[in-house]
Protein backbone atom coordinates (compact mmCIF):
# COMPACT_ATOMS: atom_id res chain seq x y z
CA MET A 1 14.68 8.15 29.78
CA THR A 2 11.31 8.33 28.11
CA LEU A 3 11.42 9.17 24.40
CA ARG A 4 8.89 11.94 23.55
CA TYR A 5 8.13 12.94 20.05
CA ARG A 6 5.69 14.69 17.83
CA ALA A 7 2.96 12.70 16.02
CA ALA A 8 -0.34 13.27 14.28
CA VAL A 9 -3.16 11.82 16.51
CA LEU A 10 -6.70 10.95 15.29
CA HIS A 11 -9.17 11.20 18.08
CA GLY A 12 -12.27 10.43 16.09
CA ALA A 13 -13.54 9.76 12.59
CA GLN A 14 -14.26 12.69 10.40
CA THR A 15 -12.17 15.06 12.58
CA PRO A 16 -8.83 16.61 11.81
CA MET A 17 -5.74 15.05 13.35
CA SER A 18 -3.83 16.99 15.93
CA ILE A 19 -0.10 17.34 16.19
CA GLU A 20 0.81 16.28 19.75
CA THR A 21 3.81 15.22 21.78
CA ILE A 22 3.45 11.69 22.75
CA ALA A 23 5.62 9.12 24.60
CA ALA A 24 7.18 5.91 23.50
CA THR A 25 7.20 2.86 25.73
CA GLU A 26 10.37 1.00 26.60
CA LEU A 27 11.70 -1.34 23.89
CA LYS A 28 10.94 -4.96 24.29
CA PRO A 29 13.63 -7.63 23.36
CA ALA A 30 12.49 -7.93 19.67
CA ASP A 31 11.68 -4.25 19.13
CA VAL A 32 13.21 -1.72 16.75
CA LEU A 33 13.06 2.01 17.22
CA VAL A 34 12.94 3.79 13.85
CA ARG A 35 13.36 7.44 13.36
CA ILE A 36 10.89 8.22 10.64
CA ARG A 37 12.39 10.16 7.66
CA ALA A 38 9.40 9.84 5.17
CA ALA A 39 5.83 8.67 5.21
CA GLY A 40 3.28 8.43 2.39
CA LEU A 41 -0.38 9.44 2.70
CA CYS A 42 -2.40 6.30 1.60
CA HIS A 43 -6.07 5.80 0.88
CA THR A 44 -6.22 3.28 3.70
CA ASP A 45 -5.23 6.01 6.10
CA LEU A 46 -8.00 8.10 4.56
CA GLU A 47 -10.61 5.33 5.05
CA VAL A 48 -9.85 5.45 8.88
CA ILE A 49 -10.21 9.12 8.94
CA GLU A 50 -13.50 9.02 7.12
CA GLY A 51 -14.85 6.12 9.20
CA ALA A 52 -15.11 3.55 6.42
CA LEU A 53 -12.43 1.53 8.08
CA ARG A 54 -13.05 1.23 11.71
CA TYR A 55 -10.24 1.41 14.33
CA PRO A 56 -10.31 2.19 18.00
CA MET A 57 -9.21 5.75 18.86
CA PRO A 58 -7.17 7.68 19.58
CA ILE A 59 -4.77 6.35 17.03
CA VAL A 60 -1.67 7.39 15.07
CA LEU A 61 -2.07 6.53 11.38
CA GLY A 62 0.62 5.99 8.78
CA HIS A 63 1.71 2.59 7.38
CA GLU A 64 4.03 3.56 4.43
CA ALA A 65 7.22 4.76 5.81
CA ALA A 66 10.97 4.64 5.70
CA GLY A 67 13.65 5.77 8.18
CA VAL A 68 16.85 5.02 10.17
CA VAL A 69 17.17 2.35 12.87
CA GLU A 70 18.19 4.23 16.18
CA ARG A 71 17.93 1.55 18.77
CA ILE A 72 17.22 -2.19 18.87
CA GLY A 73 16.00 -4.66 21.50
CA SER A 74 18.29 -7.21 23.04
CA ALA A 75 16.80 -10.06 20.83
CA ALA A 76 16.06 -8.13 17.66
CA ARG A 77 17.44 -9.79 14.55
CA GLY A 78 18.03 -8.92 10.90
CA VAL A 79 18.62 -5.30 11.41
CA LYS A 80 21.22 -3.10 13.05
CA ILE A 81 21.51 0.45 14.33
CA GLY A 82 22.07 2.96 11.35
CA ASP A 83 20.39 0.75 8.73
CA HIS A 84 18.04 2.57 6.37
CA VAL A 85 14.82 0.71 6.49
CA VAL A 86 11.40 0.51 4.83
CA LEU A 87 8.72 -0.65 7.21
CA SER A 88 6.33 -3.55 6.56
CA TRP A 89 2.75 -3.62 7.92
CA ASN A 90 2.37 -7.41 7.76
CA PRO A 91 4.21 -9.08 10.59
CA HIS A 92 3.37 -12.70 10.97
CA CYS A 93 4.08 -15.54 13.35
CA GLY A 94 5.45 -18.01 10.94
CA HIS A 95 3.80 -21.17 12.46
CA CYS A 96 0.03 -20.82 12.35
CA PHE A 97 -2.33 -22.55 9.92
CA TYR A 98 -1.95 -19.89 7.30
CA CYS A 99 1.78 -19.09 7.74
CA ASP A 100 2.35 -22.87 7.21
CA ARG A 101 0.55 -22.53 3.96
CA ASP A 102 2.71 -19.63 2.77
CA ALA A 103 -0.01 -17.05 3.30
CA PRO A 104 1.47 -14.58 5.90
CA ILE A 105 -1.17 -11.92 4.95
CA LEU A 106 -3.65 -14.32 6.65
CA CYS A 107 -1.49 -15.03 9.66
CA GLU A 108 -3.98 -15.71 12.67
CA GLN A 109 -2.11 -13.46 15.00
CA TYR A 110 -1.90 -10.68 12.42
CA LEU A 111 -5.63 -10.88 11.76
CA CYS A 112 -6.50 -11.15 15.51
CA GLU A 113 -4.42 -8.08 16.66
CA GLY A 114 -4.62 -5.85 13.61
CA PRO A 115 -8.14 -4.55 14.28
CA LYS A 116 -7.21 -3.59 17.79
CA GLY A 117 -4.70 -1.05 16.71
CA VAL A 118 -1.86 -2.44 18.75
CA SER A 119 1.63 -3.78 18.17
CA PHE A 120 2.10 -7.47 17.06
CA ASP A 121 2.27 -8.77 20.59
CA GLY A 122 -1.08 -7.12 21.58
CA GLU A 123 0.33 -4.25 23.45
CA SER A 124 0.70 -0.52 22.58
CA ARG A 125 4.07 1.17 22.01
CA ALA A 126 2.89 4.71 22.59
CA ARG A 127 1.09 6.87 25.11
CA LEU A 128 -0.51 10.32 24.97
CA ALA A 129 0.78 13.09 27.14
CA ASP A 130 -1.79 12.26 29.92
CA GLY A 131 -0.75 8.58 30.02
CA ARG A 132 -3.56 6.99 28.09
CA GLN A 133 -2.78 4.20 25.62
CA LEU A 134 -2.36 5.31 21.99
CA GLN A 135 -3.42 2.91 19.19
CA GLN A 136 -1.22 2.40 15.98
CA LEU A 137 -2.54 1.63 12.49
CA MET A 138 -1.43 -1.63 10.94
CA PHE A 139 1.21 -2.40 13.61
CA LEU A 140 3.15 0.88 12.72
CA GLY A 141 1.55 4.34 13.32
CA ALA A 142 4.28 6.07 11.28
CA PHE A 143 2.78 9.59 11.13
CA GLY A 144 5.29 10.74 13.79
CA GLU A 145 8.99 11.33 14.24
CA TYR A 146 9.59 7.88 15.64
CA CYS A 147 7.95 4.42 15.41
CA ILE A 148 8.51 1.33 17.41
CA VAL A 149 8.15 -1.93 15.37
CA SER A 150 9.04 -5.65 15.69
CA ASP A 151 12.24 -6.60 14.11
CA GLN A 152 10.60 -8.42 11.22
CA GLN A 153 8.94 -5.12 10.16
CA ALA A 154 12.16 -3.20 9.57
CA ILE A 155 13.49 -4.21 6.22
CA ALA A 156 17.09 -2.78 5.39
CA VAL A 157 17.38 -1.32 1.89
CA PRO A 158 20.27 0.24 0.14
CA LYS A 159 21.25 3.72 1.56
CA GLU A 160 21.37 5.18 -1.90
CA ILE A 161 17.67 5.25 -2.24
CA PRO A 162 16.06 8.56 -0.95
CA PHE A 163 13.74 8.09 2.04
CA ASP A 164 10.85 9.76 0.29
CA ARG A 165 11.05 7.25 -2.65
CA ALA A 166 11.87 4.32 -0.36
CA CYS A 167 8.75 4.81 1.74
CA LEU A 168 6.48 4.16 -1.28
CA ILE A 169 7.72 0.63 -1.42
CA GLY A 170 6.27 -0.25 1.95
CA CYS A 171 2.73 -0.19 0.74
CA GLY A 172 1.50 1.16 -2.65
CA VAL A 173 4.34 0.08 -4.85
CA MET A 174 4.63 -3.28 -3.21
CA THR A 175 0.95 -3.92 -3.60
CA GLY A 176 0.72 -2.83 -7.23
CA VAL A 177 3.99 -4.34 -8.53
CA GLY A 178 3.49 -7.42 -6.44
CA ALA A 179 0.09 -7.98 -7.96
CA ALA A 180 1.53 -8.09 -11.34
CA LEU A 181 4.76 -9.84 -10.80
CA ASN A 182 4.02 -12.19 -7.85
CA LEU A 183 0.52 -13.06 -8.72
CA GLY A 184 -0.46 -12.09 -12.17
CA ALA A 185 1.33 -15.04 -13.91
CA ILE A 186 1.70 -12.69 -16.93
CA ALA A 187 3.00 -14.59 -19.92
CA HIS A 188 5.25 -12.68 -22.37
CA GLY A 189 3.12 -10.65 -24.75
CA GLU A 190 -0.24 -10.99 -22.93
CA CYS A 191 -2.74 -8.10 -22.58
CA VAL A 192 -3.30 -6.57 -19.17
CA MET A 193 -5.65 -3.94 -18.11
CA VAL A 194 -5.22 -1.83 -14.96
CA ILE A 195 -8.24 0.06 -13.71
CA GLY A 196 -7.41 3.12 -11.61
CA CYS A 197 -4.13 4.89 -11.98
CA GLY A 198 -3.28 6.10 -8.52
CA ALA A 199 -0.12 5.07 -6.78
CA VAL A 200 -1.12 1.41 -6.56
CA GLY A 201 -2.39 1.26 -10.21
CA LEU A 202 0.63 2.98 -11.65
CA ALA A 203 2.82 0.44 -9.77
CA ALA A 204 0.76 -2.36 -11.23
CA VAL A 205 1.30 -0.87 -14.69
CA GLN A 206 5.06 -0.99 -14.04
CA GLY A 207 4.74 -4.56 -12.80
CA ALA A 208 3.02 -5.61 -15.92
CA ARG A 209 5.72 -3.95 -17.91
CA LEU A 210 8.51 -5.70 -15.97
CA ALA A 211 6.68 -9.05 -16.44
CA GLY A 212 6.77 -8.72 -20.27
CA ALA A 213 3.08 -7.77 -21.08
CA GLY A 214 2.66 -7.02 -24.67
CA ALA A 215 -0.15 -4.54 -24.17
CA ILE A 216 -1.06 -2.62 -20.94
CA ILE A 217 -4.37 -0.73 -21.11
CA ALA A 218 -4.59 1.94 -18.31
CA VAL A 219 -7.93 3.03 -17.33
CA ASP A 220 -8.90 6.09 -15.36
CA ILE A 221 -11.10 9.21 -15.39
CA ASP A 222 -8.26 11.72 -14.94
CA PRO A 223 -6.29 12.45 -18.18
CA ALA A 224 -3.19 13.48 -16.21
CA LYS A 225 -3.06 9.99 -14.63
CA LEU A 226 -3.25 8.39 -17.97
CA VAL A 227 -0.24 10.54 -19.18
CA LEU A 228 1.72 9.26 -16.11
CA ALA A 229 0.65 5.65 -16.89
CA ALA A 230 2.03 5.98 -20.40
CA LYS A 231 5.28 7.20 -19.02
CA MET A 232 5.39 4.09 -16.75
CA GLY A 233 4.58 1.57 -19.54
CA ALA A 234 0.99 1.64 -20.49
CA THR A 235 0.53 1.09 -24.23
CA HIS A 236 -3.07 2.32 -24.28
CA GLY A 237 -4.87 4.87 -22.01
CA VAL A 238 -8.64 4.87 -21.65
CA ASP A 239 -10.70 7.81 -20.19
CA ALA A 240 -13.54 5.77 -18.65
CA SER A 241 -15.69 8.85 -18.43
CA LYS A 242 -15.73 9.06 -22.26
CA ASP A 243 -14.73 5.72 -23.80
CA ASP A 244 -15.76 2.07 -23.35
CA ALA A 245 -12.77 0.34 -21.65
CA VAL A 246 -14.40 -3.04 -22.06
CA ALA A 247 -14.82 -2.55 -25.87
CA ILE A 248 -11.33 -1.35 -26.29
CA GLY A 249 -9.93 -4.46 -24.37
CA LYS A 250 -11.84 -6.69 -26.68
CA ARG A 251 -10.77 -4.76 -29.74
CA GLU A 252 -7.11 -5.26 -28.80
CA THR A 253 -7.52 -8.95 -28.23
CA GLY A 254 -9.53 -10.10 -31.14
CA GLY A 255 -12.78 -10.07 -29.32
CA ARG A 256 -11.61 -12.30 -26.55
CA GLY A 257 -11.12 -9.92 -23.61
CA VAL A 258 -7.95 -9.14 -21.80
CA ASP A 259 -5.90 -11.81 -20.17
CA LEU A 260 -5.48 -10.12 -16.71
CA VAL A 261 -7.36 -7.28 -15.04
CA ILE A 262 -5.92 -5.51 -12.04
CA GLU A 263 -8.43 -3.20 -10.28
CA ALA A 264 -6.88 -0.37 -8.19
CA ALA A 265 -9.69 2.15 -8.39
CA GLY A 266 -11.75 1.01 -5.35
CA SER A 267 -15.25 1.65 -6.85
CA ALA A 268 -18.28 -0.60 -7.40
CA SER A 269 -18.29 0.30 -11.09
CA ALA A 270 -14.69 -0.61 -11.46
CA PHE A 271 -15.15 -3.95 -9.85
CA ARG A 272 -18.10 -4.74 -12.16
CA MET A 273 -15.84 -3.57 -15.22
CA THR A 274 -13.16 -6.22 -14.46
CA SER A 275 -15.59 -9.10 -14.87
CA GLU A 276 -16.80 -7.78 -18.24
CA ALA A 277 -13.39 -7.04 -19.58
CA VAL A 278 -11.46 -10.23 -18.84
CA ARG A 279 -11.46 -13.17 -21.31
CA PRO A 280 -12.89 -16.60 -20.56
CA GLY A 281 -10.22 -18.38 -18.50
CA GLY A 282 -8.61 -15.07 -17.55
CA GLN A 283 -7.80 -13.71 -14.19
CA LEU A 284 -9.02 -10.81 -11.97
CA ILE A 285 -7.01 -9.31 -9.28
CA TRP A 286 -8.82 -6.90 -7.01
CA LEU A 287 -6.67 -4.44 -5.18
CA GLY A 288 -9.03 -1.57 -4.44
CA LYS A 289 -11.43 -1.28 -1.50
CA ILE A 290 -14.81 0.18 -0.76
CA ASP A 291 -16.67 0.27 2.68
CA VAL A 292 -16.54 -3.20 4.16
CA ASN A 293 -20.21 -3.23 4.59
CA ALA A 294 -21.09 -2.09 0.98
CA ASP A 295 -22.51 -4.42 -1.66
CA VAL A 296 -21.29 -4.82 -5.15
CA ALA A 297 -23.50 -6.30 -7.92
CA PHE A 298 -22.30 -8.25 -10.94
CA ARG A 299 -24.06 -9.50 -14.16
CA TRP A 300 -23.92 -13.22 -13.42
CA GLY A 301 -23.01 -14.22 -16.93
CA SER A 302 -19.75 -11.98 -16.63
CA LEU A 303 -18.55 -14.45 -13.97
CA MET A 304 -18.92 -17.55 -15.93
CA GLN A 305 -16.39 -19.26 -18.29
CA GLU A 306 -13.75 -20.38 -15.72
CA LYS A 307 -12.69 -16.76 -14.85
CA ARG A 308 -10.54 -16.59 -11.66
CA ILE A 309 -11.03 -13.96 -9.04
CA ARG A 310 -8.47 -13.04 -6.41
CA ARG A 311 -8.70 -10.26 -3.81
CA VAL A 312 -5.12 -9.26 -2.73
CA SER A 313 -4.00 -6.86 0.00
CA TYR A 314 -0.11 -6.75 -0.32
CA GLY A 315 0.93 -8.19 -3.60
CA ASN A 316 1.97 -11.59 -2.05
CA ALA A 317 4.80 -9.51 -0.49
CA ARG A 318 7.74 -11.23 1.04
CA PRO A 319 9.35 -8.14 2.36
CA ARG A 320 12.86 -9.20 3.06
CA ARG A 321 13.02 -10.50 -0.42
CA ASP A 322 10.90 -7.94 -2.25
CA PHE A 323 11.71 -4.63 -0.58
CA PRO A 324 15.43 -4.66 -1.41
CA LEU A 325 14.70 -5.89 -5.00
CA LEU A 326 12.42 -2.98 -5.66
CA ALA A 327 14.81 -0.53 -4.15
CA ARG A 328 17.51 -1.80 -6.52
CA ALA A 329 14.96 -1.69 -9.46
CA TYR A 330 14.53 2.14 -8.68
CA LEU A 331 18.29 2.62 -8.46
CA ASP A 332 18.90 0.99 -11.82
CA GLY A 333 16.08 2.97 -13.44
CA SER A 334 13.65 0.11 -14.19
CA LEU A 335 11.20 1.16 -11.46
CA LEU A 336 9.92 4.80 -11.58
CA LEU A 337 9.08 6.34 -8.22
CA ASP A 338 9.82 10.00 -8.47
CA GLU A 339 6.71 10.56 -10.62
CA LEU A 340 4.51 9.12 -8.03
CA ILE A 341 5.22 11.91 -5.61
CA SER A 342 2.81 14.83 -6.13
CA ARG A 343 3.79 16.87 -3.01
CA ARG A 344 6.16 16.83 -0.19
CA ILE A 345 4.78 18.25 3.08
CA ALA A 346 5.55 18.73 6.66
CA LEU A 347 3.90 16.89 9.48
CA ASP A 348 1.83 20.02 10.29
CA GLU A 349 0.32 19.95 6.82
CA ILE A 350 -1.04 16.42 7.20
CA ASN A 351 -4.76 17.28 7.19
CA ASP A 352 -4.36 19.46 4.11
CA GLY A 353 -2.49 16.62 2.44
CA PHE A 354 -5.51 14.21 3.09
CA ALA A 355 -7.90 16.81 1.93
CA ALA A 356 -6.02 16.91 -1.41
CA LEU A 357 -5.96 13.15 -1.64
CA LYS A 358 -9.78 12.97 -1.05
CA ARG A 359 -10.24 15.55 -3.79
CA GLY A 360 -8.23 13.34 -6.23
CA GLU A 361 -5.50 15.99 -6.67
CA THR A 362 -2.45 13.84 -5.64
CA ILE A 363 -0.93 10.51 -6.37
CA ARG A 364 1.11 10.55 -3.21
CA SER A 365 1.79 13.19 -0.81
CA VAL A 366 4.75 12.34 1.33
CA ILE A 367 5.62 13.78 4.79
CA THR A 368 9.28 14.42 5.06
CA PHE A 369 11.14 14.72 8.42
CA ASP A 370 14.44 16.63 8.70
C-alpha cells in the first residue's frame, strides 16, 4: 500500500512552499523509512528558497531532522524499527578516491548525485499527487511527515534526548562543534574567535569551550546573540557594528592576533575579517556561505605569513561516532541545545518561519510533528 503524507513542496525559487499530500516510493533493500518528529529551518534551505543555491524543482527541502524508524529494507544495516534517529545529509560510498582518503564529504557519488536532488542511488523516493517525480534536498527532504533515507543516514541516538533538540545535531550543531573539536586543533588556553553567532556559530563557541580554549571572542551585530554566546562559553562579546573585532583580538593576544578564527556569518566582510584577525601561522575555518558565483576580496598581505585556510561543510563529521557523542553531551549538560531553539512551529507555518529567519529574528525555528 502506498504511503501518502503531508510535506512542504517548493515549486520555484522566491515562491512560498505549499503543503501538499505526496506519495512515497517503495523501499529498496538498503532504505529506511523514518517518521519525522522534528526538523530545523536552516540557512541552506533558505538559500534554495531564495535561488542562491540552485536545485531542480519541485523539491522538498529540510536536511536537519530527527525521528523514529518505522520500516527498514531487507538489507538495511545499523538501525532497527523503533530506533530514535538523527538524519545525516552526507551519505558516501566508502571506496572512491576521496572516501579512501578519509574525506567522505568529497565522496564522488555524493558530489555527483547531490545537485540532482535525488536519493544516494540517483533515484527519487517521493512523487507528487499527479505522479511527477519530487526532488529532495541533500538526500533527505525532511520537511514532511516521513522521509526515506539510506541506512547509513539514519543514526541511532539515545531515546532520552527530545526530538526537537536531537534534530539540531544533524546539521548546525555538528558543523559548528565539529569545526572546533575535529578540525580546530585547539591547544589548551588558546584564543579562538567565532564570527557570526547563529546556530552554527554558537555551536562553534561550545566546541571551542569543550576543547579547552582560554579565550573565546564571539563577534556578531546582534547584542542578543552575544548574550547567548556568553552563556555558551564566550569570554568576550564584540558588537561588530560598533567595535573593531580585529583590534580586540590583537589586544587579547599581545598584538599577535588570535590562534583560530571560525567564520559562521556567511558574509564577504566576515570572510575578510578572518584573515585580518588571525595571527601568523594561525588557522582560518570558513563555515558560512554566500552566493556560489559571488566574489570576495582580500588584502593580499592579510593572507601572508603561513596562515592556513580551510573551507568546511560538516565539521569533519563521522555521524555514527559523533551524533551519539553529541547527544550524550547534551544529556550530561555539557552541550547546550535548548537555547538554540527560538520557536517551535507547525508544518503549516513553515513560510513564516523562513521569513523570520531571513529577518534575523531566530536562531533556529523547529518544526515539530505530533
